[in-house]
């Protein structure tokens, strides 16, 4: 049994960042279903907050994977949004716009603010998916 535990731990460290980030999005979408809908708004902001935080975490997993691929310098400890913005500005201005919107919608308004307007939350999820999809071309080669 101990062999299996070691095998799982080793595999987790070498997990494909694209697949891992997409798993975060799938989990976030499942959580969001629990929020319920009433017209243009989600009913329970608790689930919206959790879903937005999960989707935002998926973005960070994807960006960390992208930065590793591009050999950008790593930072120890917790990274700020400034770290992600400055590194992404060097790589891709379009993705930077996606990140800025996702940060505002998912992290600030969704996770902290508890925004429940469905279209706004959906736009943040669209930004998250766009950022994560940028890793897809690498998912079959360098990431495995």
N, C-alpha and C. Protein backbone atom coordinates (compact mmCIF):
# COMPACT_ATOMS: atom_id res chain seq x y z
N UNK A 1 0.81 -1.19 0.00
CA UNK A 1 0.00 0.00 0.00
C UNK A 1 0.86 1.26 0.00
N UNK A 2 1.97 1.27 0.69
CA UNK A 2 2.83 2.44 0.73
C UNK A 2 3.36 2.76 -0.66
N UNK A 3 3.57 1.74 -1.50
CA UNK A 3 4.05 1.97 -2.86
C UNK A 3 3.06 2.82 -3.64
N UNK A 4 1.77 2.51 -3.50
CA UNK A 4 0.74 3.26 -4.20
C UNK A 4 0.74 4.72 -3.77
N UNK A 5 0.90 4.98 -2.47
CA UNK A 5 0.93 6.35 -1.96
C UNK A 5 2.09 7.14 -2.55
N UNK A 6 3.25 6.53 -2.64
CA UNK A 6 4.42 7.20 -3.23
C UNK A 6 4.19 7.45 -4.71
N UNK A 7 3.63 6.47 -5.42
CA UNK A 7 3.34 6.61 -6.85
C UNK A 7 2.38 7.77 -7.11
N UNK A 8 1.33 7.88 -6.30
CA UNK A 8 0.36 8.95 -6.46
C UNK A 8 1.01 10.29 -6.20
N UNK A 9 1.84 10.38 -5.16
CA UNK A 9 2.51 11.63 -4.84
C UNK A 9 3.45 12.07 -5.96
N UNK A 10 4.19 11.16 -6.54
CA UNK A 10 5.10 11.49 -7.65
C UNK A 10 4.30 11.94 -8.86
N UNK A 11 3.22 11.25 -9.18
CA UNK A 11 2.40 11.63 -10.32
C UNK A 11 1.76 12.99 -10.13
N UNK A 12 1.35 13.34 -8.93
CA UNK A 12 0.73 14.63 -8.66
C UNK A 12 1.70 15.77 -8.92
N UNK A 13 2.97 15.57 -8.61
CA UNK A 13 3.97 16.61 -8.82
C UNK A 13 4.23 16.85 -10.30
N UNK A 14 3.99 15.84 -11.13
CA UNK A 14 4.27 15.97 -12.56
C UNK A 14 2.98 16.03 -13.37
N UNK A 15 1.90 16.43 -12.73
CA UNK A 15 0.62 16.51 -13.42
C UNK A 15 0.64 17.62 -14.46
N UNK A 16 0.00 17.37 -15.56
CA UNK A 16 -0.10 18.32 -16.65
C UNK A 16 -0.87 19.56 -16.16
N UNK A 17 -0.25 20.75 -16.18
CA UNK A 17 -0.91 21.96 -15.67
C UNK A 17 -2.20 22.31 -16.42
N UNK A 18 -2.24 22.03 -17.72
CA UNK A 18 -3.45 22.30 -18.50
C UNK A 18 -4.61 21.46 -17.97
N UNK A 19 -4.37 20.15 -17.81
CA UNK A 19 -5.43 19.27 -17.33
C UNK A 19 -5.83 19.61 -15.90
N UNK A 20 -4.86 19.95 -15.09
CA UNK A 20 -5.14 20.31 -13.70
C UNK A 20 -5.98 21.59 -13.65
N UNK A 21 -5.61 22.59 -14.44
CA UNK A 21 -6.35 23.84 -14.46
C UNK A 21 -7.78 23.64 -14.97
N UNK A 22 -7.93 22.80 -15.99
CA UNK A 22 -9.27 22.52 -16.51
C UNK A 22 -10.12 21.78 -15.47
N UNK A 23 -9.48 20.97 -14.65
CA UNK A 23 -10.20 20.28 -13.58
C UNK A 23 -10.74 21.30 -12.57
N UNK A 24 -9.96 22.35 -12.31
CA UNK A 24 -10.43 23.42 -11.43
C UNK A 24 -11.69 24.07 -12.02
N UNK A 25 -11.66 24.34 -13.32
CA UNK A 25 -12.81 24.97 -13.97
C UNK A 25 -14.03 24.06 -13.91
N UNK A 26 -13.83 22.79 -14.19
CA UNK A 26 -14.95 21.84 -14.11
C UNK A 26 -15.53 21.79 -12.71
N UNK A 27 -14.66 21.78 -11.71
CA UNK A 27 -15.13 21.78 -10.32
C UNK A 27 -15.89 23.07 -10.01
N UNK A 28 -15.37 24.19 -10.50
CA UNK A 28 -16.02 25.48 -10.26
C UNK A 28 -17.41 25.51 -10.90
N UNK A 29 -17.52 24.97 -12.10
CA UNK A 29 -18.82 24.93 -12.78
C UNK A 29 -19.80 24.05 -12.01
N UNK A 30 -19.33 22.95 -11.46
CA UNK A 30 -20.19 22.08 -10.65
C UNK A 30 -20.66 22.80 -9.38
N UNK A 31 -19.77 23.53 -8.75
CA UNK A 31 -20.11 24.28 -7.54
C UNK A 31 -21.15 25.35 -7.86
N UNK A 32 -20.97 26.00 -9.01
CA UNK A 32 -21.88 27.08 -9.40
C UNK A 32 -23.31 26.58 -9.61
N UNK A 33 -23.45 25.34 -10.01
CA UNK A 33 -24.79 24.76 -10.18
C UNK A 33 -25.56 24.75 -8.86
N UNK A 34 -24.83 24.65 -7.76
CA UNK A 34 -25.47 24.62 -6.44
C UNK A 34 -25.99 25.99 -6.01
N UNK A 35 -25.57 27.05 -6.71
CA UNK A 35 -25.98 28.40 -6.34
C UNK A 35 -27.44 28.67 -6.69
N UNK A 36 -27.97 27.96 -7.67
CA UNK A 36 -29.35 28.20 -8.09
C UNK A 36 -29.47 29.51 -8.84
N UNK A 37 -30.50 29.63 -9.65
CA UNK A 37 -30.71 30.85 -10.44
C UNK A 37 -32.11 31.39 -10.22
N UNK A 38 -32.19 32.70 -10.22
CA UNK A 38 -33.47 33.39 -10.14
C UNK A 38 -33.39 34.57 -11.11
N UNK A 39 -33.87 34.34 -12.32
CA UNK A 39 -33.79 35.37 -13.35
C UNK A 39 -32.36 35.59 -13.79
N UNK A 40 -31.87 36.82 -13.61
CA UNK A 40 -30.52 37.19 -14.05
C UNK A 40 -29.46 36.99 -12.97
N UNK A 41 -29.87 36.45 -11.83
CA UNK A 41 -28.96 36.37 -10.68
C UNK A 41 -28.88 34.96 -10.12
N UNK A 42 -27.72 34.66 -9.54
CA UNK A 42 -27.59 33.45 -8.76
C UNK A 42 -28.24 33.70 -7.40
N UNK A 43 -28.80 32.67 -6.82
CA UNK A 43 -29.53 32.81 -5.56
C UNK A 43 -28.60 32.84 -4.36
N UNK A 44 -27.67 31.90 -4.28
CA UNK A 44 -26.83 31.75 -3.09
C UNK A 44 -25.40 32.21 -3.38
N UNK A 45 -25.06 33.37 -2.82
CA UNK A 45 -23.74 33.94 -3.09
C UNK A 45 -22.60 33.11 -2.48
N UNK A 46 -22.91 32.29 -1.49
CA UNK A 46 -21.88 31.43 -0.89
C UNK A 46 -21.25 30.53 -1.96
N UNK A 47 -22.10 29.90 -2.77
CA UNK A 47 -21.59 29.01 -3.81
C UNK A 47 -20.92 29.78 -4.95
N UNK A 48 -21.41 30.96 -5.22
CA UNK A 48 -20.78 31.80 -6.25
C UNK A 48 -19.37 32.17 -5.81
N UNK A 49 -19.22 32.54 -4.55
CA UNK A 49 -17.90 32.88 -4.03
C UNK A 49 -16.93 31.70 -4.13
N UNK A 50 -17.39 30.54 -3.73
CA UNK A 50 -16.53 29.35 -3.78
C UNK A 50 -16.16 29.02 -5.22
N UNK A 51 -17.13 29.08 -6.12
CA UNK A 51 -16.89 28.77 -7.53
C UNK A 51 -15.91 29.76 -8.16
N UNK A 52 -16.09 31.04 -7.86
CA UNK A 52 -15.19 32.06 -8.41
C UNK A 52 -13.77 31.87 -7.90
N UNK A 53 -13.63 31.57 -6.62
CA UNK A 53 -12.31 31.32 -6.05
C UNK A 53 -11.64 30.11 -6.67
N UNK A 54 -12.42 29.08 -6.92
CA UNK A 54 -11.89 27.86 -7.54
C UNK A 54 -11.45 28.13 -8.98
N UNK A 55 -12.27 28.84 -9.74
CA UNK A 55 -11.91 29.17 -11.13
C UNK A 55 -10.66 30.04 -11.17
N UNK A 56 -10.57 31.01 -10.27
CA UNK A 56 -9.38 31.87 -10.22
C UNK A 56 -8.13 31.06 -9.88
N UNK A 57 -8.26 30.11 -8.99
CA UNK A 57 -7.12 29.25 -8.66
C UNK A 57 -6.67 28.45 -9.88
N UNK A 58 -7.62 28.04 -10.69
CA UNK A 58 -7.29 27.34 -11.94
C UNK A 58 -6.46 28.20 -12.87
N UNK A 59 -6.77 29.48 -12.91
CA UNK A 59 -5.98 30.42 -13.73
C UNK A 59 -4.54 30.45 -13.24
N UNK A 60 -4.36 30.53 -11.94
CA UNK A 60 -3.01 30.61 -11.38
C UNK A 60 -2.22 29.34 -11.65
N UNK A 61 -2.88 28.19 -11.60
CA UNK A 61 -2.22 26.93 -11.93
C UNK A 61 -1.76 26.96 -13.39
N UNK A 62 -2.63 27.44 -14.28
CA UNK A 62 -2.29 27.51 -15.70
C UNK A 62 -1.14 28.48 -15.94
N UNK A 63 -1.19 29.63 -15.30
CA UNK A 63 -0.12 30.62 -15.51
C UNK A 63 1.21 30.13 -14.94
N UNK A 64 1.18 29.47 -13.79
CA UNK A 64 2.42 28.91 -13.25
C UNK A 64 3.01 27.90 -14.23
N UNK A 65 2.16 27.08 -14.85
CA UNK A 65 2.62 26.12 -15.85
C UNK A 65 3.20 26.81 -17.07
N UNK A 66 2.54 27.86 -17.53
CA UNK A 66 3.02 28.61 -18.69
C UNK A 66 4.36 29.27 -18.39
N UNK A 67 4.47 29.87 -17.21
CA UNK A 67 5.73 30.53 -16.83
C UNK A 67 6.87 29.54 -16.71
N UNK A 68 6.58 28.33 -16.24
CA UNK A 68 7.60 27.28 -16.18
C UNK A 68 8.08 26.92 -17.58
N UNK A 69 7.13 26.80 -18.50
CA UNK A 69 7.49 26.47 -19.89
C UNK A 69 8.36 27.54 -20.53
N UNK A 70 8.08 28.79 -20.18
CA UNK A 70 8.81 29.91 -20.77
C UNK A 70 10.06 30.26 -19.96
N UNK A 71 10.36 29.43 -18.96
CA UNK A 71 11.54 29.61 -18.11
C UNK A 71 11.62 30.99 -17.45
N UNK A 72 10.48 31.49 -17.02
CA UNK A 72 10.48 32.76 -16.30
C UNK A 72 10.89 32.50 -14.86
N UNK A 73 11.53 33.46 -14.23
CA UNK A 73 12.00 33.24 -12.86
C UNK A 73 10.85 32.97 -11.90
N UNK A 74 11.08 32.01 -11.00
CA UNK A 74 10.07 31.64 -10.02
C UNK A 74 10.23 32.52 -8.78
N UNK A 75 9.13 32.73 -8.11
CA UNK A 75 9.14 33.45 -6.85
C UNK A 75 8.77 32.50 -5.74
N UNK A 76 9.42 32.64 -4.64
CA UNK A 76 9.09 31.80 -3.49
C UNK A 76 7.89 32.38 -2.76
N UNK A 77 7.16 31.50 -2.12
CA UNK A 77 6.02 31.94 -1.32
C UNK A 77 4.82 32.31 -2.17
N UNK A 78 3.95 33.05 -1.57
CA UNK A 78 2.72 33.47 -2.22
C UNK A 78 3.02 34.56 -3.26
N UNK A 79 2.44 34.42 -4.43
CA UNK A 79 2.68 35.37 -5.51
C UNK A 79 1.52 36.36 -5.58
N UNK A 80 1.83 37.61 -5.87
CA UNK A 80 0.79 38.62 -5.98
C UNK A 80 0.29 38.71 -7.42
N UNK A 81 -0.80 39.42 -7.61
CA UNK A 81 -1.30 39.64 -8.96
C UNK A 81 -0.27 40.40 -9.79
N UNK A 82 0.51 41.25 -9.15
CA UNK A 82 1.56 41.99 -9.86
C UNK A 82 2.58 41.06 -10.51
N UNK A 83 2.91 39.99 -9.81
CA UNK A 83 3.84 39.00 -10.36
C UNK A 83 3.28 38.41 -11.65
N UNK A 84 2.01 38.00 -11.60
CA UNK A 84 1.39 37.40 -12.79
C UNK A 84 1.23 38.43 -13.91
N UNK A 85 0.83 39.63 -13.57
CA UNK A 85 0.64 40.67 -14.59
C UNK A 85 1.96 41.04 -15.27
N UNK A 86 3.00 41.23 -14.49
CA UNK A 86 4.28 41.65 -15.09
C UNK A 86 4.87 40.55 -15.96
N UNK A 87 4.78 39.30 -15.53
CA UNK A 87 5.30 38.20 -16.34
C UNK A 87 4.45 37.97 -17.59
N UNK A 88 3.15 38.09 -17.46
CA UNK A 88 2.28 37.88 -18.62
C UNK A 88 2.43 39.02 -19.62
N UNK A 89 2.72 40.23 -19.14
CA UNK A 89 2.94 41.37 -20.03
C UNK A 89 4.13 41.13 -20.96
N UNK A 90 5.11 40.36 -20.49
CA UNK A 90 6.28 40.03 -21.30
C UNK A 90 5.95 38.99 -22.37
N UNK A 91 4.90 38.19 -22.13
CA UNK A 91 4.59 37.07 -23.02
C UNK A 91 3.45 37.34 -23.99
N UNK A 92 2.34 37.88 -23.48
CA UNK A 92 1.14 37.93 -24.30
C UNK A 92 0.19 39.00 -23.77
N UNK A 93 0.06 40.10 -24.51
CA UNK A 93 -0.79 41.22 -24.07
C UNK A 93 -2.28 40.84 -24.07
N UNK A 94 -2.68 39.97 -24.99
CA UNK A 94 -4.09 39.55 -25.04
C UNK A 94 -4.44 38.75 -23.79
N UNK A 95 -3.56 37.84 -23.42
CA UNK A 95 -3.81 37.06 -22.20
C UNK A 95 -3.78 37.95 -20.96
N UNK A 96 -2.99 39.01 -21.00
CA UNK A 96 -2.94 39.95 -19.88
C UNK A 96 -4.31 40.61 -19.70
N UNK A 97 -4.95 40.98 -20.80
CA UNK A 97 -6.30 41.56 -20.71
C UNK A 97 -7.28 40.56 -20.12
N UNK A 98 -7.14 39.30 -20.54
CA UNK A 98 -8.00 38.25 -20.00
C UNK A 98 -7.77 38.10 -18.49
N UNK A 99 -6.52 38.13 -18.09
CA UNK A 99 -6.18 38.00 -16.67
C UNK A 99 -6.74 39.17 -15.87
N UNK A 100 -6.58 40.39 -16.38
CA UNK A 100 -7.06 41.56 -15.66
C UNK A 100 -8.58 41.49 -15.43
N UNK A 101 -9.30 41.06 -16.46
CA UNK A 101 -10.75 40.95 -16.30
C UNK A 101 -11.11 39.81 -15.35
N UNK A 102 -10.43 38.67 -15.50
CA UNK A 102 -10.71 37.53 -14.63
C UNK A 102 -10.39 37.87 -13.17
N UNK A 103 -9.32 38.60 -12.96
CA UNK A 103 -8.95 39.01 -11.60
C UNK A 103 -10.04 39.89 -11.00
N UNK A 104 -10.51 40.87 -11.78
CA UNK A 104 -11.55 41.77 -11.28
C UNK A 104 -12.86 41.03 -11.02
N UNK A 105 -13.26 40.20 -11.97
CA UNK A 105 -14.56 39.53 -11.86
C UNK A 105 -14.52 38.37 -10.89
N UNK A 106 -13.60 37.44 -11.10
CA UNK A 106 -13.59 36.22 -10.29
C UNK A 106 -13.04 36.44 -8.89
N UNK A 107 -11.92 37.12 -8.81
CA UNK A 107 -11.26 37.24 -7.51
C UNK A 107 -11.86 38.37 -6.66
N UNK A 108 -11.91 39.56 -7.22
CA UNK A 108 -12.38 40.70 -6.43
C UNK A 108 -13.91 40.73 -6.28
N UNK A 109 -14.61 40.76 -7.43
CA UNK A 109 -16.08 40.86 -7.36
C UNK A 109 -16.75 39.54 -6.98
N UNK A 110 -16.24 38.44 -7.51
CA UNK A 110 -16.87 37.15 -7.24
C UNK A 110 -16.51 36.58 -5.90
N UNK A 111 -15.23 36.36 -5.68
CA UNK A 111 -14.79 35.70 -4.44
C UNK A 111 -14.96 36.62 -3.22
N UNK A 112 -14.47 37.84 -3.33
CA UNK A 112 -14.57 38.75 -2.18
C UNK A 112 -15.92 39.46 -2.11
N UNK A 113 -16.39 39.95 -3.25
CA UNK A 113 -17.62 40.76 -3.26
C UNK A 113 -18.90 39.96 -3.28
N UNK A 114 -18.86 38.75 -3.78
CA UNK A 114 -20.06 37.93 -3.83
C UNK A 114 -21.05 38.36 -4.90
N UNK A 115 -20.55 38.89 -6.00
CA UNK A 115 -21.44 39.32 -7.08
C UNK A 115 -22.25 38.13 -7.57
N UNK A 116 -23.52 38.35 -7.85
CA UNK A 116 -24.40 37.24 -8.24
C UNK A 116 -25.01 37.42 -9.64
N UNK A 117 -24.64 38.47 -10.34
CA UNK A 117 -25.17 38.69 -11.69
C UNK A 117 -24.57 37.65 -12.63
N UNK A 118 -25.41 36.83 -13.22
CA UNK A 118 -24.97 35.66 -13.98
C UNK A 118 -24.04 36.03 -15.13
N UNK A 119 -24.39 37.05 -15.91
CA UNK A 119 -23.57 37.40 -17.08
C UNK A 119 -22.16 37.84 -16.67
N UNK A 120 -22.05 38.52 -15.56
CA UNK A 120 -20.73 38.97 -15.10
C UNK A 120 -19.88 37.77 -14.69
N UNK A 121 -20.47 36.87 -13.92
CA UNK A 121 -19.74 35.67 -13.49
C UNK A 121 -19.34 34.84 -14.71
N UNK A 122 -20.23 34.69 -15.67
CA UNK A 122 -19.93 33.93 -16.88
C UNK A 122 -18.78 34.56 -17.65
N UNK A 123 -18.71 35.89 -17.68
CA UNK A 123 -17.61 36.54 -18.40
C UNK A 123 -16.27 36.22 -17.73
N UNK A 124 -16.25 36.15 -16.41
CA UNK A 124 -15.03 35.78 -15.70
C UNK A 124 -14.62 34.35 -16.01
N UNK A 125 -15.60 33.45 -16.09
CA UNK A 125 -15.31 32.06 -16.44
C UNK A 125 -14.78 31.97 -17.88
N UNK A 126 -15.32 32.77 -18.78
CA UNK A 126 -14.83 32.78 -20.16
C UNK A 126 -13.38 33.23 -20.21
N UNK A 127 -13.04 34.26 -19.43
CA UNK A 127 -11.64 34.70 -19.35
C UNK A 127 -10.75 33.61 -18.82
N UNK A 128 -11.20 32.91 -17.79
CA UNK A 128 -10.42 31.83 -17.19
C UNK A 128 -10.15 30.74 -18.22
N UNK A 129 -11.18 30.36 -18.95
CA UNK A 129 -11.02 29.30 -19.95
C UNK A 129 -10.07 29.75 -21.06
N UNK A 130 -10.15 31.01 -21.47
CA UNK A 130 -9.23 31.52 -22.50
C UNK A 130 -7.78 31.43 -22.05
N UNK A 131 -7.54 31.79 -20.81
CA UNK A 131 -6.17 31.73 -20.28
C UNK A 131 -5.69 30.29 -20.23
N UNK A 132 -6.52 29.41 -19.72
CA UNK A 132 -6.14 28.01 -19.59
C UNK A 132 -5.94 27.37 -20.96
N UNK A 133 -6.78 27.72 -21.92
CA UNK A 133 -6.66 27.17 -23.27
C UNK A 133 -5.34 27.55 -23.93
N UNK A 134 -4.71 28.63 -23.47
CA UNK A 134 -3.40 29.02 -24.01
C UNK A 134 -2.35 27.96 -23.73
N UNK A 135 -2.59 27.11 -22.73
CA UNK A 135 -1.66 26.02 -22.40
C UNK A 135 -1.88 24.79 -23.27
N UNK A 136 -3.04 24.70 -23.88
CA UNK A 136 -3.40 23.47 -24.60
C UNK A 136 -2.39 23.05 -25.67
N UNK A 137 -1.82 23.98 -26.45
CA UNK A 137 -0.84 23.55 -27.45
C UNK A 137 0.38 22.83 -26.85
N UNK A 138 0.67 23.15 -25.60
CA UNK A 138 1.82 22.54 -24.94
C UNK A 138 1.46 21.22 -24.25
N UNK A 139 0.19 20.94 -24.10
CA UNK A 139 -0.26 19.83 -23.26
C UNK A 139 0.15 18.47 -23.78
N UNK A 140 0.44 18.36 -25.06
CA UNK A 140 0.80 17.06 -25.61
C UNK A 140 2.31 16.86 -25.73
N UNK A 141 3.06 17.93 -25.49
CA UNK A 141 4.50 17.79 -25.67
C UNK A 141 5.25 18.11 -24.38
N UNK A 142 5.54 19.38 -24.16
CA UNK A 142 6.40 19.76 -23.05
C UNK A 142 5.80 19.48 -21.69
N UNK A 143 4.48 19.47 -21.57
CA UNK A 143 3.86 19.34 -20.27
C UNK A 143 3.76 17.94 -19.74
N UNK A 144 3.92 16.95 -20.58
CA UNK A 144 3.74 15.57 -20.11
C UNK A 144 5.00 14.99 -19.55
